Amino acid sequence: LCTFFPQADTLAYGRILKELRAEGFPDYMIPHKVKFTSNHPALSMLLPTLKPYTVGQLPALYEHWVLVQRFIWGINSLN
């Protein structure tokens, strides 16, 4: 969980050079952390248990996602 939440936060909001220097990152690590710009779509899910019911919810969520793209946004998801 130590990297689960910061990764989603970084993909959503990005990191800037001033912020990294203020946090005290060494100069050799900064190029590897600044390359992320914000607004990258990502889906992170934290399941309470790994049971057949919760695993079965994953395809249902994906099917709903495709349905929304198809009917509301007008994206042809079948190609």
N, C-alpha and C. Protein backbone atom coordinates (compact mmCIF):
# COMPACT_ATOMS: atom_id res chain seq x y z
N LEU A 1 0.81 -1.20 0.00
CA LEU A 1 0.00 0.00 0.00
C LEU A 1 0.85 1.26 0.00
N CYS A 2 2.15 1.10 0.32
CA CYS A 2 3.03 2.26 0.35
C CYS A 2 3.20 2.89 -1.03
N THR A 3 3.12 2.11 -2.08
CA THR A 3 3.25 2.66 -3.42
C THR A 3 1.93 2.71 -4.17
N PHE A 4 0.90 2.05 -3.67
CA PHE A 4 -0.40 2.02 -4.35
C PHE A 4 -1.02 3.42 -4.44
N PHE A 5 -1.14 4.10 -3.32
CA PHE A 5 -1.78 5.40 -3.29
C PHE A 5 -0.93 6.50 -3.92
N PRO A 6 0.38 6.58 -3.68
CA PRO A 6 1.17 7.63 -4.35
C PRO A 6 1.23 7.49 -5.87
N GLN A 7 1.20 6.26 -6.38
CA GLN A 7 1.24 6.08 -7.83
C GLN A 7 -0.01 6.66 -8.48
N ALA A 8 -1.17 6.39 -7.93
CA ALA A 8 -2.42 6.94 -8.47
C ALA A 8 -2.43 8.45 -8.36
N ASP A 9 -1.91 8.98 -7.26
CA ASP A 9 -1.85 10.43 -7.06
C ASP A 9 -0.91 11.09 -8.07
N THR A 10 0.22 10.47 -8.33
CA THR A 10 1.18 11.03 -9.28
C THR A 10 0.65 11.01 -10.69
N LEU A 11 -0.02 9.93 -11.09
CA LEU A 11 -0.59 9.88 -12.43
C LEU A 11 -1.71 10.90 -12.61
N ALA A 12 -2.45 11.18 -11.56
CA ALA A 12 -3.55 12.12 -11.66
C ALA A 12 -3.08 13.57 -11.63
N TYR A 13 -2.12 13.89 -10.76
CA TYR A 13 -1.75 15.28 -10.55
C TYR A 13 -0.35 15.64 -11.05
N GLY A 14 0.49 14.65 -11.33
CA GLY A 14 1.84 14.92 -11.82
C GLY A 14 2.77 15.41 -10.73
N ARG A 15 4.03 15.55 -11.06
CA ARG A 15 5.04 16.07 -10.14
C ARG A 15 5.79 17.18 -10.86
N ILE A 16 6.13 18.23 -10.16
CA ILE A 16 6.89 19.32 -10.76
C ILE A 16 8.23 19.43 -10.05
N LEU A 17 9.17 20.08 -10.71
CA LEU A 17 10.54 20.17 -10.23
C LEU A 17 10.63 20.85 -8.87
N LYS A 18 9.92 21.94 -8.69
CA LYS A 18 9.97 22.66 -7.40
C LYS A 18 9.48 21.78 -6.26
N GLU A 19 8.43 21.04 -6.52
CA GLU A 19 7.86 20.17 -5.49
C GLU A 19 8.85 19.09 -5.07
N LEU A 20 9.54 18.50 -6.04
CA LEU A 20 10.50 17.44 -5.73
C LEU A 20 11.70 17.99 -4.95
N ARG A 21 12.17 19.16 -5.33
CA ARG A 21 13.31 19.74 -4.62
C ARG A 21 12.91 20.12 -3.19
N ALA A 22 11.66 20.58 -3.01
CA ALA A 22 11.19 20.93 -1.67
C ALA A 22 11.07 19.70 -0.78
N GLU A 23 10.78 18.55 -1.38
CA GLU A 23 10.67 17.32 -0.62
C GLU A 23 12.03 16.70 -0.32
N GLY A 24 13.09 17.23 -0.93
CA GLY A 24 14.44 16.78 -0.62
C GLY A 24 14.94 15.59 -1.43
N PHE A 25 14.41 15.40 -2.63
CA PHE A 25 14.90 14.32 -3.48
C PHE A 25 16.29 14.67 -3.99
N PRO A 26 17.19 13.68 -4.07
CA PRO A 26 18.51 13.94 -4.63
C PRO A 26 18.42 14.28 -6.12
N ASP A 27 19.41 15.02 -6.62
CA ASP A 27 19.39 15.46 -8.02
C ASP A 27 19.38 14.30 -9.01
N TYR A 28 20.01 13.18 -8.68
CA TYR A 28 20.05 12.07 -9.63
C TYR A 28 18.70 11.37 -9.77
N MET A 29 17.78 11.54 -8.82
CA MET A 29 16.46 10.91 -8.90
C MET A 29 15.42 11.79 -9.59
N ILE A 30 15.66 13.09 -9.64
CA ILE A 30 14.65 14.03 -10.15
C ILE A 30 14.26 13.76 -11.60
N PRO A 31 15.18 13.47 -12.54
CA PRO A 31 14.74 13.21 -13.92
C PRO A 31 13.80 12.01 -14.04
N HIS A 32 13.91 11.06 -13.15
CA HIS A 32 13.05 9.88 -13.21
C HIS A 32 11.66 10.15 -12.64
N LYS A 33 11.52 11.21 -11.87
CA LYS A 33 10.24 11.50 -11.23
C LYS A 33 9.49 12.65 -11.90
N VAL A 34 10.17 13.48 -12.67
CA VAL A 34 9.53 14.63 -13.31
C VAL A 34 8.87 14.25 -14.62
N LYS A 35 9.20 13.12 -15.19
CA LYS A 35 8.69 12.78 -16.52
C LYS A 35 7.18 12.58 -16.55
N PHE A 36 6.54 12.43 -15.39
CA PHE A 36 5.10 12.26 -15.36
C PHE A 36 4.41 13.61 -15.40
N THR A 37 3.60 13.84 -16.42
CA THR A 37 2.75 15.01 -16.43
C THR A 37 1.40 14.60 -15.87
N SER A 38 0.57 15.53 -15.61
CA SER A 38 -0.71 15.20 -14.98
C SER A 38 -1.74 14.75 -16.00
N ASN A 39 -2.89 14.35 -15.49
CA ASN A 39 -4.06 14.00 -16.26
C ASN A 39 -3.87 12.73 -17.09
N HIS A 40 -3.24 11.71 -16.53
CA HIS A 40 -3.15 10.41 -17.17
C HIS A 40 -4.29 9.55 -16.64
N PRO A 41 -5.14 9.04 -17.52
CA PRO A 41 -6.22 8.20 -17.01
C PRO A 41 -5.68 6.89 -16.44
N ALA A 42 -6.12 6.56 -15.26
CA ALA A 42 -5.69 5.33 -14.61
C ALA A 42 -6.83 4.83 -13.73
N LEU A 43 -6.90 3.55 -13.58
CA LEU A 43 -7.91 2.95 -12.72
C LEU A 43 -7.20 2.11 -11.69
N SER A 44 -7.40 2.46 -10.44
CA SER A 44 -6.81 1.71 -9.33
C SER A 44 -7.94 1.20 -8.46
N MET A 45 -7.90 -0.07 -8.15
CA MET A 45 -8.95 -0.65 -7.32
C MET A 45 -8.32 -1.40 -6.17
N LEU A 46 -8.90 -1.25 -5.03
CA LEU A 46 -8.46 -1.94 -3.84
C LEU A 46 -9.62 -2.84 -3.40
N LEU A 47 -9.46 -4.14 -3.58
CA LEU A 47 -10.52 -5.09 -3.26
C LEU A 47 -10.42 -5.52 -1.80
N PRO A 48 -11.56 -5.66 -1.12
CA PRO A 48 -11.51 -6.07 0.29
C PRO A 48 -11.01 -7.51 0.47
N THR A 49 -11.45 -8.39 -0.40
CA THR A 49 -11.00 -9.79 -0.36
C THR A 49 -10.89 -10.30 -1.78
N LEU A 50 -10.14 -11.35 -1.96
CA LEU A 50 -9.99 -11.94 -3.28
C LEU A 50 -10.84 -13.21 -3.33
N LYS A 51 -12.13 -13.01 -3.58
CA LYS A 51 -13.09 -14.10 -3.66
C LYS A 51 -13.67 -14.13 -5.06
N PRO A 52 -14.31 -15.22 -5.45
CA PRO A 52 -14.91 -15.27 -6.79
C PRO A 52 -15.90 -14.12 -7.05
N TYR A 53 -16.63 -13.70 -6.03
CA TYR A 53 -17.59 -12.60 -6.21
C TYR A 53 -16.88 -11.30 -6.56
N THR A 54 -15.82 -10.97 -5.82
CA THR A 54 -15.11 -9.72 -6.08
C THR A 54 -14.35 -9.76 -7.39
N VAL A 55 -13.80 -10.91 -7.73
CA VAL A 55 -13.11 -11.04 -9.02
C VAL A 55 -14.13 -10.96 -10.16
N GLY A 56 -15.33 -11.47 -9.96
CA GLY A 56 -16.38 -11.38 -10.97
C GLY A 56 -16.87 -9.96 -11.18
N GLN A 57 -16.68 -9.10 -10.20
CA GLN A 57 -17.07 -7.70 -10.36
C GLN A 57 -16.17 -6.96 -11.35
N LEU A 58 -14.95 -7.43 -11.55
CA LEU A 58 -14.02 -6.76 -12.47
C LEU A 58 -14.52 -6.80 -13.91
N PRO A 59 -14.92 -7.97 -14.47
CA PRO A 59 -15.47 -7.94 -15.83
C PRO A 59 -16.77 -7.15 -15.93
N ALA A 60 -17.59 -7.18 -14.87
CA ALA A 60 -18.83 -6.41 -14.89
C ALA A 60 -18.53 -4.92 -14.96
N LEU A 61 -17.51 -4.47 -14.22
CA LEU A 61 -17.12 -3.07 -14.26
C LEU A 61 -16.61 -2.70 -15.65
N TYR A 62 -15.81 -3.55 -16.25
CA TYR A 62 -15.29 -3.28 -17.59
C TYR A 62 -16.42 -3.22 -18.61
N GLU A 63 -17.38 -4.14 -18.52
CA GLU A 63 -18.50 -4.14 -19.46
C GLU A 63 -19.32 -2.86 -19.31
N HIS A 64 -19.51 -2.40 -18.08
CA HIS A 64 -20.24 -1.16 -17.87
C HIS A 64 -19.48 0.03 -18.45
N TRP A 65 -18.18 0.02 -18.29
CA TRP A 65 -17.33 1.08 -18.82
C TRP A 65 -17.47 1.16 -20.35
N VAL A 66 -17.43 0.01 -21.01
CA VAL A 66 -17.57 -0.04 -22.46
C VAL A 66 -18.97 0.42 -22.87
N LEU A 67 -19.98 0.04 -22.11
CA LEU A 67 -21.35 0.46 -22.41
C LEU A 67 -21.49 1.97 -22.33
N VAL A 68 -20.90 2.58 -21.32
CA VAL A 68 -20.96 4.04 -21.18
C VAL A 68 -20.27 4.71 -22.36
N GLN A 69 -19.11 4.20 -22.75
CA GLN A 69 -18.40 4.77 -23.90
C GLN A 69 -19.24 4.66 -25.17
N ARG A 70 -19.92 3.56 -25.32
CA ARG A 70 -20.69 3.29 -26.53
C ARG A 70 -21.93 4.18 -26.64
N PHE A 71 -22.73 4.23 -25.61
CA PHE A 71 -24.02 4.90 -25.72
C PHE A 71 -24.01 6.36 -25.31
N ILE A 72 -23.25 6.73 -24.32
CA ILE A 72 -23.29 8.11 -23.86
C ILE A 72 -22.28 8.98 -24.58
N TRP A 73 -21.05 8.49 -24.72
CA TRP A 73 -20.02 9.30 -25.35
C TRP A 73 -19.97 9.11 -26.87
N GLY A 74 -20.64 8.11 -27.40
CA GLY A 74 -20.66 7.89 -28.84
C GLY A 74 -19.39 7.27 -29.39
N ILE A 75 -18.63 6.59 -28.56
CA ILE A 75 -17.39 5.94 -29.00
C ILE A 75 -17.72 4.55 -29.48
N ASN A 76 -17.25 4.18 -30.66
CA ASN A 76 -17.47 2.83 -31.17
C ASN A 76 -16.43 1.91 -30.54
N SER A 77 -16.83 1.21 -29.51
CA SER A 77 -15.90 0.39 -28.75
C SER A 77 -15.73 -1.00 -29.34
N LEU A 78 -16.41 -1.31 -30.42
CA LEU A 78 -16.31 -2.64 -31.02
C LEU A 78 -15.20 -2.75 -32.04
N ASN A 79 -14.60 -1.65 -32.44
CA ASN A 79 -13.49 -1.70 -33.41
C ASN A 79 -12.17 -1.79 -32.72
